């Protein structure tokens, strides 16, 4: 409420995109997913700056098997 109340001296002092990601990134989770992808021979195309998105390439059949869809 302090940053959203116009009467507060802290009004508008939101965290930057970078600050939020630095505070909430989870390197253990990112590394676990990368290990999973390597184990299952998924081609990693891109990893976002903070590791919250990992883009892979594979066949539909393989992804269906891995994720039981």
PDB file of N, CA and C in Angstrom:
ATOM      1  N   UNK A   1       0.825  -1.195   0.000  1.00  0.00           N
ATOM      2  CA  UNK A   1       0.000   0.000   0.000  1.00  0.00           C
ATOM      3  C   UNK A   1       0.872   1.263   0.000  1.00  0.00           C
ATOM      4  N   UNK A   2       2.048   1.163   0.590  1.00  0.00           N
ATOM      5  CA  UNK A   2       2.905   2.349   0.684  1.00  0.00           C
ATOM      6  C   UNK A   2       3.254   2.900  -0.698  1.00  0.00           C
ATOM      7  N   UNK A   3       3.451   2.014  -1.663  1.00  0.00           N
ATOM      8  CA  UNK A   3       3.862   2.503  -2.986  1.00  0.00           C
ATOM      9  C   UNK A   3       2.677   2.835  -3.887  1.00  0.00           C
ATOM     10  N   UNK A   4       1.458   2.424  -3.489  1.00  0.00           N
ATOM     11  CA  UNK A   4       0.303   2.709  -4.335  1.00  0.00           C
ATOM     12  C   UNK A   4      -0.622   3.790  -3.776  1.00  0.00           C
ATOM     13  N   UNK A   5      -0.346   4.279  -2.592  1.00  0.00           N
ATOM     14  CA  UNK A   5      -1.149   5.346  -1.992  1.00  0.00           C
ATOM     15  C   UNK A   5      -0.528   6.702  -2.362  1.00  0.00           C
ATOM     16  N   UNK A   6      -1.248   7.516  -3.143  1.00  0.00           N
ATOM     17  CA  UNK A   6      -0.708   8.817  -3.563  1.00  0.00           C
ATOM     18  C   UNK A   6      -0.304   9.730  -2.401  1.00  0.00           C
ATOM     19  N   UNK A   7      -0.816   9.488  -1.214  1.00  0.00           N
ATOM     20  CA  UNK A   7      -0.482  10.314  -0.054  1.00  0.00           C
ATOM     21  C   UNK A   7       0.796   9.842   0.646  1.00  0.00           C
ATOM     22  N   UNK A   8       1.295   8.686   0.264  1.00  0.00           N
ATOM     23  CA  UNK A   8       2.481   8.127   0.912  1.00  0.00           C
ATOM     24  C   UNK A   8       3.757   8.706   0.315  1.00  0.00           C
ATOM     25  N   UNK A   9       4.772   8.924   1.137  1.00  0.00           N
ATOM     26  CA  UNK A   9       6.062   9.398   0.606  1.00  0.00           C
ATOM     27  C   UNK A   9       6.749   8.333  -0.267  1.00  0.00           C
ATOM     28  N   UNK A  10       6.309   7.097  -0.159  1.00  0.00           N
ATOM     29  CA  UNK A  10       6.879   6.006  -0.969  1.00  0.00           C
ATOM     30  C   UNK A  10       6.105   5.755  -2.256  1.00  0.00           C
ATOM     31  N   UNK A  11       5.103   6.599  -2.513  1.00  0.00           N
ATOM     32  CA  UNK A  11       4.253   6.421  -3.689  1.00  0.00           C
ATOM     33  C   UNK A  11       5.085   6.360  -4.983  1.00  0.00           C
ATOM     34  N   UNK A  12       4.817   5.333  -5.782  1.00  0.00           N
ATOM     35  CA  UNK A  12       5.454   5.210  -7.090  1.00  0.00           C
ATOM     36  C   UNK A  12       6.860   4.625  -7.066  1.00  0.00           C
ATOM     37  N   UNK A  13       7.349   4.226  -5.920  1.00  0.00           N
ATOM     38  CA  UNK A  13       8.716   3.691  -5.835  1.00  0.00           C
ATOM     39  C   UNK A  13       8.701   2.168  -6.036  1.00  0.00           C
ATOM     40  N   UNK A  14       8.267   1.764  -7.232  1.00  0.00           N
ATOM     41  CA  UNK A  14       8.179   0.349  -7.572  1.00  0.00           C
ATOM     42  C   UNK A  14       9.563  -0.206  -7.880  1.00  0.00           C
ATOM     43  N   UNK A  15       9.706  -1.506  -7.724  1.00  0.00           N
ATOM     44  CA  UNK A  15      10.958  -2.164  -8.085  1.00  0.00           C
ATOM     45  C   UNK A  15      11.052  -2.235  -9.607  1.00  0.00           C
ATOM     46  N   UNK A  16      12.257  -2.196 -10.104  1.00  0.00           N
ATOM     47  CA  UNK A  16      12.454  -2.328 -11.544  1.00  0.00           C
ATOM     48  C   UNK A  16      12.300  -3.800 -11.936  1.00  0.00           C
ATOM     49  N   UNK A  17      12.160  -4.032 -13.231  1.00  0.00           N
ATOM     50  CA  UNK A  17      12.065  -5.384 -13.770  1.00  0.00           C
ATOM     51  C   UNK A  17      13.290  -6.194 -13.326  1.00  0.00           C
ATOM     52  N   UNK A  18      14.451  -5.592 -13.439  1.00  0.00           N
ATOM     53  CA  UNK A  18      15.696  -6.264 -13.072  1.00  0.00           C
ATOM     54  C   UNK A  18      15.726  -6.586 -11.575  1.00  0.00           C
ATOM     55  N   UNK A  19      15.305  -5.654 -10.734  1.00  0.00           N
ATOM     56  CA  UNK A  19      15.310  -5.874  -9.287  1.00  0.00           C
ATOM     57  C   UNK A  19      14.396  -7.043  -8.893  1.00  0.00           C
ATOM     58  N   UNK A  20      13.226  -7.110  -9.517  1.00  0.00           N
ATOM     59  CA  UNK A  20      12.290  -8.197  -9.220  1.00  0.00           C
ATOM     60  C   UNK A  20      12.908  -9.537  -9.602  1.00  0.00           C
ATOM     61  N   UNK A  21      13.503  -9.604 -10.792  1.00  0.00           N
ATOM     62  CA  UNK A  21      14.094 -10.863 -11.235  1.00  0.00           C
ATOM     63  C   UNK A  21      15.329 -11.252 -10.423  1.00  0.00           C
ATOM     64  N   UNK A  22      16.127 -10.297 -10.052  1.00  0.00           N
ATOM     65  CA  UNK A  22      17.289 -10.598  -9.220  1.00  0.00           C
ATOM     66  C   UNK A  22      16.850 -11.180  -7.870  1.00  0.00           C
ATOM     67  N   UNK A  23      15.748 -10.683  -7.358  1.00  0.00           N
ATOM     68  CA  UNK A  23      15.254 -11.122  -6.063  1.00  0.00           C
ATOM     69  C   UNK A  23      14.570 -12.496  -6.148  1.00  0.00           C
ATOM     70  N   UNK A  24      13.958 -12.808  -7.284  1.00  0.00           N
ATOM     71  CA  UNK A  24      13.139 -14.014  -7.369  1.00  0.00           C
ATOM     72  C   UNK A  24      13.707 -15.121  -8.249  1.00  0.00           C
ATOM     73  N   UNK A  25      14.851 -14.909  -8.879  1.00  0.00           N
ATOM     74  CA  UNK A  25      15.378 -15.963  -9.748  1.00  0.00           C
ATOM     75  C   UNK A  25      15.708 -17.205  -8.920  1.00  0.00           C
ATOM     76  N   UNK A  26      15.613 -18.350  -9.585  1.00  0.00           N
ATOM     77  CA  UNK A  26      15.818 -19.620  -8.907  1.00  0.00           C
ATOM     78  C   UNK A  26      16.804 -20.450  -9.733  1.00  0.00           C
ATOM     79  N   UNK A  27      18.082 -20.270  -9.468  1.00  0.00           N
ATOM     80  CA  UNK A  27      19.117 -20.951 -10.246  1.00  0.00           C
ATOM     81  C   UNK A  27      19.053 -22.464 -10.087  1.00  0.00           C
ATOM     82  N   UNK A  28      18.669 -22.951  -8.921  1.00  0.00           N
ATOM     83  CA  UNK A  28      18.554 -24.393  -8.722  1.00  0.00           C
ATOM     84  C   UNK A  28      17.486 -24.981  -9.643  1.00  0.00           C
ATOM     85  N   UNK A  29      16.352 -24.305  -9.750  1.00  0.00           N
ATOM     86  CA  UNK A  29      15.278 -24.786 -10.620  1.00  0.00           C
ATOM     87  C   UNK A  29      15.706 -24.729 -12.085  1.00  0.00           C
ATOM     88  N   UNK A  30      16.339 -23.631 -12.480  1.00  0.00           N
ATOM     89  CA  UNK A  30      16.811 -23.507 -13.857  1.00  0.00           C
ATOM     90  C   UNK A  30      17.801 -24.619 -14.180  1.00  0.00           C
ATOM     91  N   UNK A  31      18.734 -24.867 -13.291  1.00  0.00           N
ATOM     92  CA  UNK A  31      19.724 -25.918 -13.517  1.00  0.00           C
ATOM     93  C   UNK A  31      19.090 -27.306 -13.560  1.00  0.00           C
ATOM     94  N   UNK A  32      18.072 -27.531 -12.757  1.00  0.00           N
ATOM     95  CA  UNK A  32      17.370 -28.821 -12.776  1.00  0.00           C
ATOM     96  C   UNK A  32      16.683 -29.041 -14.118  1.00  0.00           C
ATOM     97  N   UNK A  33      16.068 -28.009 -14.645  1.00  0.00           N
ATOM     98  CA  UNK A  33      15.402 -28.127 -15.944  1.00  0.00           C
ATOM     99  C   UNK A  33      16.433 -28.340 -17.048  1.00  0.00           C
ATOM    100  N   UNK A  34      17.546 -27.631 -16.988  1.00  0.00           N
ATOM    101  CA  UNK A  34      18.596 -27.814 -17.996  1.00  0.00           C
ATOM    102  C   UNK A  34      19.137 -29.240 -17.954  1.00  0.00           C
ATOM    103  N   UNK A  35      19.311 -29.776 -16.762  1.00  0.00           N
ATOM    104  CA  UNK A  35      19.783 -31.152 -16.608  1.00  0.00           C
ATOM    105  C   UNK A  35      18.763 -32.135 -17.205  1.00  0.00           C
ATOM    106  N   UNK A  36      17.486 -31.890 -16.948  1.00  0.00           N
ATOM    107  CA  UNK A  36      16.414 -32.726 -17.497  1.00  0.00           C
ATOM    108  C   UNK A  36      16.441 -32.689 -19.023  1.00  0.00           C
ATOM    109  N   UNK A  37      16.587 -31.501 -19.570  1.00  0.00           N
ATOM    110  CA  UNK A  37      16.620 -31.352 -21.030  1.00  0.00           C
ATOM    111  C   UNK A  37      17.811 -32.102 -21.627  1.00  0.00           C
ATOM    112  N   UNK A  38      18.946 -31.997 -20.995  1.00  0.00           N
ATOM    113  CA  UNK A  38      20.143 -32.683 -21.487  1.00  0.00           C
ATOM    114  C   UNK A  38      19.954 -34.200 -21.417  1.00  0.00           C
ATOM    115  N   UNK A  39      19.427 -34.673 -20.294  1.00  0.00           N
ATOM    116  CA  UNK A  39      19.196 -36.109 -20.107  1.00  0.00           C
ATOM    117  C   UNK A  39      18.281 -36.674 -21.188  1.00  0.00           C
ATOM    118  N   UNK A  40      17.292 -35.892 -21.599  1.00  0.00           N
ATOM    119  CA  UNK A  40      16.312 -36.359 -22.574  1.00  0.00           C
ATOM    120  C   UNK A  40      16.591 -35.841 -23.986  1.00  0.00           C
ATOM    121  N   UNK A  41      17.776 -35.328 -24.171  1.00  0.00           N
ATOM    122  CA  UNK A  41      18.261 -34.884 -25.479  1.00  0.00           C
ATOM    123  C   UNK A  41      17.329 -33.874 -26.151  1.00  0.00           C
ATOM    124  N   UNK A  42      16.871 -32.909 -25.358  1.00  0.00           N
ATOM    125  CA  UNK A  42      16.081 -31.815 -25.906  1.00  0.00           C
ATOM    126  C   UNK A  42      17.041 -30.699 -26.297  1.00  0.00           C
ATOM    127  N   UNK A  43      16.885 -30.180 -27.477  1.00  0.00           N
ATOM    128  CA  UNK A  43      17.764 -29.113 -27.946  1.00  0.00           C
ATOM    129  C   UNK A  43      17.319 -27.790 -27.320  1.00  0.00           C
ATOM    130  N   UNK A  44      18.221 -27.156 -26.599  1.00  0.00           N
ATOM    131  CA  UNK A  44      17.925 -25.872 -25.968  1.00  0.00           C
ATOM    132  C   UNK A  44      18.229 -24.764 -26.968  1.00  0.00           C
ATOM    133  N   UNK A  45      17.194 -24.010 -27.329  1.00  0.00           N
ATOM    134  CA  UNK A  45      17.349 -22.914 -28.283  1.00  0.00           C
ATOM    135  C   UNK A  45      17.727 -21.606 -27.613  1.00  0.00           C
ATOM    136  N   UNK A  46      17.167 -21.371 -26.438  1.00  0.00           N
ATOM    137  CA  UNK A  46      17.355 -20.081 -25.788  1.00  0.00           C
ATOM    138  C   UNK A  46      17.009 -20.197 -24.317  1.00  0.00           C
ATOM    139  N   UNK A  47      17.735 -19.457 -23.486  1.00  0.00           N
ATOM    140  CA  UNK A  47      17.426 -19.341 -22.071  1.00  0.00           C
ATOM    141  C   UNK A  47      17.287 -17.853 -21.779  1.00  0.00           C
ATOM    142  N   UNK A  48      16.173 -17.469 -21.178  1.00  0.00           N
ATOM    143  CA  UNK A  48      15.967 -16.052 -20.878  1.00  0.00           C
ATOM    144  C   UNK A  48      17.017 -15.563 -19.888  1.00  0.00           C
ATOM    145  N   UNK A  49      17.160 -14.275 -19.803  1.00  0.00           N
ATOM    146  CA  UNK A  49      18.215 -13.652 -18.997  1.00  0.00           C
ATOM    147  C   UNK A  49      18.254 -14.151 -17.552  1.00  0.00           C
ATOM    148  N   UNK A  50      17.099 -14.391 -16.962  1.00  0.00           N
ATOM    149  CA  UNK A  50      17.050 -14.814 -15.570  1.00  0.00           C
ATOM    150  C   UNK A  50      16.669 -16.291 -15.416  1.00  0.00           C
ATOM    151  N   UNK A  51      16.620 -17.020 -16.521  1.00  0.00           N
ATOM    152  CA  UNK A  51      16.371 -18.453 -16.476  1.00  0.00           C
ATOM    153  C   UNK A  51      14.935 -18.860 -16.241  1.00  0.00           C
ATOM    154  N   UNK A  52      14.013 -17.914 -16.303  1.00  0.00           N
ATOM    155  CA  UNK A  52      12.613 -18.262 -16.050  1.00  0.00           C
ATOM    156  C   UNK A  52      11.933 -18.897 -17.260  1.00  0.00           C
ATOM    157  N   UNK A  53      12.535 -18.725 -18.440  1.00  0.00           N
ATOM    158  CA  UNK A  53      12.038 -19.358 -19.660  1.00  0.00           C
ATOM    159  C   UNK A  53      13.179 -20.100 -20.328  1.00  0.00           C
ATOM    160  N   UNK A  54      12.910 -21.347 -20.676  1.00  0.00           N
ATOM    161  CA  UNK A  54      13.879 -22.156 -21.406  1.00  0.00           C
ATOM    162  C   UNK A  54      13.155 -22.676 -22.639  1.00  0.00           C
ATOM    163  N   UNK A  55      13.655 -22.299 -23.793  1.00  0.00           N
ATOM    164  CA  UNK A  55      13.034 -22.681 -25.052  1.00  0.00           C
ATOM    165  C   UNK A  55      13.760 -23.900 -25.600  1.00  0.00           C
ATOM    166  N   UNK A  56      13.009 -24.971 -25.876  1.00  0.00           N
ATOM    167  CA  UNK A  56      13.602 -26.191 -26.396  1.00  0.00           C
ATOM    168  C   UNK A  56      12.965 -26.562 -27.723  1.00  0.00           C
ATOM    169  N   UNK A  57      13.679 -27.423 -28.450  1.00  0.00           N
ATOM    170  CA  UNK A  57      13.151 -27.937 -29.700  1.00  0.00           C
ATOM    171  C   UNK A  57      13.194 -29.459 -29.639  1.00  0.00           C
ATOM    172  N   UNK A  58      12.107 -30.075 -30.049  1.00  0.00           N
ATOM    173  CA  UNK A  58      12.023 -31.527 -30.082  1.00  0.00           C
ATOM    174  C   UNK A  58      10.842 -31.913 -30.962  1.00  0.00           C
ATOM    175  N   UNK A  59      10.673 -33.197 -31.148  1.00  0.00           N
ATOM    176  CA  UNK A  59       9.508 -33.646 -31.901  1.00  0.00           C
ATOM    177  C   UNK A  59       8.286 -33.643 -30.987  1.00  0.00           C
ATOM    178  N   UNK A  60       7.139 -33.555 -31.588  1.00  0.00           N
ATOM    179  CA  UNK A  60       5.890 -33.597 -30.826  1.00  0.00           C
ATOM    180  C   UNK A  60       5.755 -34.937 -30.120  1.00  0.00           C
ATOM    181  N   UNK A  61       6.146 -35.992 -30.784  1.00  0.00           N
ATOM    182  CA  UNK A  61       6.036 -37.329 -30.203  1.00  0.00           C
ATOM    183  C   UNK A  61       6.889 -37.440 -28.937  1.00  0.00           C
ATOM    184  N   UNK A  62       8.121 -36.954 -29.008  1.00  0.00           N
ATOM    185  CA  UNK A  62       9.011 -37.035 -27.842  1.00  0.00           C
ATOM    186  C   UNK A  62       8.473 -36.202 -26.679  1.00  0.00           C
ATOM    187  N   UNK A  63       8.007 -34.996 -26.966  1.00  0.00           N
ATOM    188  CA  UNK A  63       7.458 -34.146 -25.912  1.00  0.00           C
ATOM    189  C   UNK A  63       6.204 -34.763 -25.311  1.00  0.00           C
ATOM    190  N   UNK A  64       5.389 -35.382 -26.145  1.00  0.00           N
ATOM    191  CA  UNK A  64       4.182 -36.077 -25.674  1.00  0.00           C
ATOM    192  C   UNK A  64       4.571 -37.184 -24.706  1.00  0.00           C
ATOM    193  N   UNK A  65       5.591 -37.956 -25.030  1.00  0.00           N
ATOM    194  CA  UNK A  65       6.050 -39.039 -24.159  1.00  0.00           C
ATOM    195  C   UNK A  65       6.610 -38.491 -22.842  1.00  0.00           C
ATOM    196  N   UNK A  66       7.446 -37.458 -22.934  1.00  0.00           N
ATOM    197  CA  UNK A  66       8.082 -36.912 -21.740  1.00  0.00           C
ATOM    198  C   UNK A  66       7.083 -36.306 -20.758  1.00  0.00           C
ATOM    199  N   UNK A  67       6.079 -35.630 -21.295  1.00  0.00           N
ATOM    200  CA  UNK A  67       5.145 -34.906 -20.432  1.00  0.00           C
ATOM    201  C   UNK A  67       3.788 -35.579 -20.309  1.00  0.00           C
ATOM    202  N   UNK A  68       3.682 -36.789 -20.862  1.00  0.00           N
ATOM    203  CA  UNK A  68       2.438 -37.581 -20.769  1.00  0.00           C
ATOM    204  C   UNK A  68       1.202 -36.765 -21.158  1.00  0.00           C
ATOM    205  N   UNK A  69       1.308 -36.122 -22.305  1.00  0.00           N
ATOM    206  CA  UNK A  69       0.149 -35.312 -22.756  1.00  0.00           C
ATOM    207  C   UNK A  69      -0.706 -36.053 -23.735  1.00  0.00           C
TER     208      UNK A  69
END
